[in-house]
Amino acid sequence: MKQRNTVLLVIDVQRDFCPGGSLAVSDGDQVVPVVNLIASKSRRVIATQDWHPHDHMSFASNHPGKHIHDVVEVNGMKQVLWPVHCVQGTDGADFHPALNTDHFSLILRKGMDSRIDSYSAFHENDKKTNTGLEGYLRGLHVDHVYLCGLATDYCVFFSAMDALRLGFRVSVVIDACRGVDVPQGNIEKSLKKMKENAVAIINSSELLCQI
């Protein structure tokens, strides 16, 4: 994957999304060695971090009477409520300690506005506020985006669908992803929708064969 027109996006491989974290994804830490391997073979690697203020609207604790995984409406948008996670400057917001960040050419932090969540690496959840990633990739003449990380059915999924909508070719390296599966069945639903929309679901071994 040393071609000039490709990029690997490593999505939210952070302590709080791994075992022991406040919003742990089952086996989330198992993506780390796979991500390290494919990142070492990639020409360009960009990583994202959730980077929330303590008063972020996605935290159930900021909605009195509501509970984790409740769905509420905030500013006209449906919002799943989560435990407090990836708060700016905390250990939980750090990358997993075994993740090799030496290959990262850019770290993009998202979800910094307390009023809106940001699953996608490209847009906040209002689908209007851009993160700047699209313009960055256009400037590098990227046309094929490979994605990996956490979680399959949220930040990886929304990043993949936005990349596709913006005209990029999109591949998800599925053995370098894990999902949260909220609500139950959401991983399967997300994979089905990506496949139906021409997102390639590949394994790291397939990716390495393309290098």
Protein backbone atom coordinates (compact mmCIF):
# COMPACT_ATOMS: atom_id res chain seq x y z
CA MET A 1 0.00 0.00 0.00
CA LYS A 2 2.88 2.33 -0.82
CA GLN A 3 0.95 3.85 -3.73
CA ARG A 4 0.84 7.61 -3.60
CA ASN A 5 -2.94 7.80 -3.87
CA THR A 6 -3.81 5.72 -0.79
CA VAL A 7 -4.13 6.44 2.92
CA LEU A 8 -4.72 4.28 5.98
CA LEU A 9 -7.11 5.81 8.53
CA VAL A 10 -6.65 4.42 12.04
CA ILE A 11 -9.85 5.22 13.91
CA ASP A 12 -9.91 5.85 17.69
CA VAL A 13 -7.59 3.11 19.00
CA GLN A 14 -7.71 4.69 22.44
CA ARG A 15 -7.49 3.38 26.00
CA ASP A 16 -11.14 4.05 26.82
CA PHE A 17 -12.26 1.87 23.89
CA CYS A 18 -10.05 -1.06 24.92
CA PRO A 19 -10.48 -3.56 27.78
CA GLY A 20 -10.32 -1.71 31.09
CA GLY A 21 -11.56 1.51 29.53
CA SER A 22 -14.82 3.28 30.32
CA LEU A 23 -16.36 2.40 26.94
CA ALA A 24 -14.50 -0.82 26.25
CA VAL A 25 -15.08 -2.59 22.96
CA SER A 26 -14.87 -6.36 23.33
CA ASP A 27 -11.36 -7.46 22.26
CA GLY A 28 -10.62 -3.90 21.18
CA ASP A 29 -6.95 -4.27 22.08
CA GLN A 30 -6.61 -7.16 19.64
CA VAL A 31 -6.63 -4.76 16.71
CA VAL A 32 -3.36 -3.19 17.86
CA PRO A 33 -0.82 -5.70 16.43
CA VAL A 34 -2.71 -5.83 13.13
CA VAL A 35 -2.86 -2.04 12.91
CA ASN A 36 0.85 -1.81 13.73
CA LEU A 37 1.68 -4.23 10.93
CA ILE A 38 -0.37 -2.64 8.19
CA ALA A 39 0.62 0.86 9.28
CA SER A 40 4.28 -0.10 8.94
CA LYS A 41 3.64 -1.07 5.32
CA SER A 42 1.58 1.99 4.42
CA ARG A 43 2.85 5.07 2.66
CA ARG A 44 0.68 7.46 4.66
CA VAL A 45 -1.20 6.89 7.92
CA ILE A 46 -3.68 9.24 9.61
CA ALA A 47 -5.10 8.53 13.06
CA THR A 48 -8.17 9.95 14.79
CA GLN A 49 -8.89 10.47 18.48
CA ASP A 50 -12.14 11.19 20.23
CA TRP A 51 -11.27 14.30 22.28
CA HIS A 52 -14.33 15.25 24.29
CA PRO A 53 -14.83 18.07 26.81
CA HIS A 54 -16.18 16.94 30.19
CA ASP A 55 -19.60 18.43 29.43
CA HIS A 56 -20.05 16.61 26.12
CA MET A 57 -23.66 15.99 25.12
CA SER A 58 -23.02 12.30 24.36
CA PHE A 59 -22.34 11.48 28.03
CA ALA A 60 -25.33 9.96 29.82
CA SER A 61 -24.18 11.67 33.02
CA ASN A 62 -24.93 15.04 31.41
CA HIS A 63 -28.60 14.07 30.93
CA PRO A 64 -30.30 13.77 34.35
CA GLY A 65 -32.62 10.80 34.55
CA LYS A 66 -31.15 9.14 31.44
CA HIS A 67 -29.01 6.02 31.25
CA ILE A 68 -26.16 4.67 29.16
CA HIS A 69 -27.39 3.51 25.71
CA ASP A 70 -30.61 5.52 25.96
CA VAL A 71 -31.38 7.37 22.74
CA VAL A 72 -32.35 11.02 23.09
CA GLU A 73 -32.86 13.94 20.74
CA VAL A 74 -30.36 16.78 21.01
CA ASN A 75 -30.48 19.78 18.70
CA GLY A 76 -32.77 17.88 16.33
CA MET A 77 -30.53 14.82 16.09
CA LYS A 78 -30.85 11.38 17.65
CA GLN A 79 -28.04 10.67 20.07
CA VAL A 80 -27.00 7.43 21.76
CA LEU A 81 -25.84 8.18 25.29
CA TRP A 82 -22.47 6.78 26.33
CA PRO A 83 -20.43 6.58 29.52
CA VAL A 84 -17.93 9.38 30.01
CA HIS A 85 -15.03 8.57 27.70
CA CYS A 86 -11.99 10.05 25.95
CA VAL A 87 -12.08 13.29 27.92
CA GLN A 88 -9.47 15.74 26.70
CA GLY A 89 -6.11 15.27 28.38
CA THR A 90 -7.04 12.15 30.35
CA ASP A 91 -5.33 8.76 30.20
CA GLY A 92 -8.49 7.30 28.64
CA ALA A 93 -8.13 9.60 25.64
CA ASP A 94 -4.58 8.42 24.97
CA PHE A 95 -3.83 5.92 22.24
CA HIS A 96 -3.47 2.31 23.40
CA PRO A 97 0.06 2.08 24.83
CA ALA A 98 1.06 -0.71 22.43
CA LEU A 99 -0.05 1.25 19.36
CA ASN A 100 2.97 2.38 17.36
CA THR A 101 2.30 6.02 16.56
CA ASP A 102 5.62 6.56 14.77
CA HIS A 103 3.92 5.95 11.42
CA PHE A 104 1.23 8.62 11.92
CA SER A 105 1.66 11.63 9.64
CA LEU A 106 -1.42 13.36 11.09
CA ILE A 107 -3.53 13.00 14.23
CA LEU A 108 -7.05 14.38 13.86
CA ARG A 109 -9.03 15.03 17.03
CA LYS A 110 -12.80 15.05 16.85
CA GLY A 111 -15.83 15.48 19.09
CA MET A 112 -14.38 18.60 20.73
CA ASP A 113 -17.61 20.62 20.54
CA SER A 114 -19.71 19.84 23.60
CA ARG A 115 -22.91 20.44 21.61
CA ILE A 116 -22.49 17.76 18.93
CA ASP A 117 -21.02 14.28 18.58
CA SER A 118 -18.56 13.33 15.87
CA TYR A 119 -18.42 9.70 14.79
CA SER A 120 -16.98 10.26 11.31
CA ALA A 121 -13.43 11.35 10.59
CA PHE A 122 -14.85 13.62 7.86
CA HIS A 123 -17.91 15.33 9.34
CA GLU A 124 -19.49 15.91 12.68
CA ASN A 125 -22.88 14.30 13.15
CA ASP A 126 -24.78 17.26 11.74
CA LYS A 127 -23.24 16.29 8.36
CA LYS A 128 -22.48 19.98 7.83
CA THR A 129 -19.43 20.69 9.98
CA ASN A 130 -16.29 19.40 8.28
CA THR A 131 -13.22 18.19 10.15
CA GLY A 132 -10.91 19.30 7.33
CA LEU A 133 -9.85 15.75 6.47
CA GLU A 134 -11.42 15.76 3.02
CA GLY A 135 -9.46 18.84 1.93
CA TYR A 136 -6.27 17.41 3.38
CA LEU A 137 -6.68 14.20 1.37
CA ARG A 138 -7.60 16.08 -1.81
CA GLY A 139 -4.40 18.07 -1.45
CA LEU A 140 -2.45 14.81 -1.35
CA HIS A 141 -4.37 13.43 -4.38
CA VAL A 142 -5.67 10.49 -2.34
CA ASP A 143 -8.44 8.52 -4.00
CA HIS A 144 -8.48 5.28 -1.97
CA VAL A 145 -9.09 5.23 1.78
CA TYR A 146 -8.41 2.14 3.91
CA LEU A 147 -9.99 2.13 7.38
CA CYS A 148 -9.34 0.20 10.57
CA GLY A 149 -9.88 0.69 14.30
CA LEU A 150 -12.76 1.17 16.73
CA ALA A 151 -15.60 0.76 16.57
CA THR A 152 -16.78 -1.10 13.46
CA ASP A 153 -20.42 -0.05 13.77
CA TYR A 154 -19.87 3.58 14.75
CA CYS A 155 -16.77 5.61 13.95
CA VAL A 156 -15.37 3.19 11.36
CA PHE A 157 -18.79 2.80 9.72
CA PHE A 158 -19.61 6.51 9.57
CA SER A 159 -16.12 7.37 8.35
CA ALA A 160 -16.40 4.75 5.61
CA MET A 161 -19.82 5.93 4.46
CA ASP A 162 -18.75 9.58 4.42
CA ALA A 163 -15.57 8.74 2.49
CA LEU A 164 -17.65 6.85 -0.06
CA ARG A 165 -20.15 9.69 -0.37
CA LEU A 166 -17.27 12.10 -0.98
CA GLY A 167 -16.10 10.03 -3.93
CA PHE A 168 -13.22 8.03 -2.46
CA ARG A 169 -12.74 4.32 -3.00
CA VAL A 170 -13.13 2.73 0.42
CA SER A 171 -11.85 -0.49 1.97
CA VAL A 172 -12.34 -1.61 5.59
CA VAL A 173 -9.66 -3.92 7.01
CA ILE A 174 -12.04 -5.99 9.06
CA ASP A 175 -9.56 -7.99 11.17
CA ALA A 176 -8.14 -4.64 12.33
CA CYS A 177 -11.61 -3.55 13.58
CA ARG A 178 -13.87 -4.44 16.49
CA GLY A 179 -17.43 -3.30 17.11
CA VAL A 180 -19.45 -2.22 20.13
CA ASP A 181 -22.70 -3.80 18.80
CA VAL A 182 -25.10 -1.26 20.34
CA PRO A 183 -27.93 -1.98 19.83
CA GLN A 184 -27.44 -5.73 19.46
CA GLY A 185 -27.01 -6.67 15.80
CA ASN A 186 -25.56 -3.30 14.87
CA ILE A 187 -22.23 -4.73 13.67
CA GLU A 188 -23.96 -7.06 11.23
CA LYS A 189 -26.28 -4.26 10.08
CA SER A 190 -23.35 -1.89 9.52
CA LEU A 191 -21.32 -4.45 7.57
CA LYS A 192 -24.34 -5.24 5.40
CA LYS A 193 -24.91 -1.57 4.61
CA MET A 194 -21.24 -0.99 3.77
CA LYS A 195 -21.18 -3.97 1.42
CA GLU A 196 -24.41 -2.85 -0.25
CA ASN A 197 -22.78 0.52 -0.90
CA ALA A 198 -19.59 -0.87 -2.49
CA VAL A 199 -17.31 -0.57 0.53
CA ALA A 200 -14.78 -3.41 0.19
CA ILE A 201 -14.49 -5.53 3.33
CA ILE A 202 -11.01 -7.07 3.30
CA ASN A 203 -8.56 -8.80 5.64
CA SER A 204 -5.10 -7.52 6.45
CA SER A 205 -3.62 -10.47 4.54
CA GLU A 206 -5.37 -9.26 1.38
CA LEU A 207 -4.08 -5.77 1.98
CA LEU A 208 -0.52 -6.99 2.46
CA CYS A 209 -0.72 -8.93 -0.80
CA GLN A 210 -1.58 -5.67 -2.59
CA ILE A 211 1.54 -3.92 -1.37
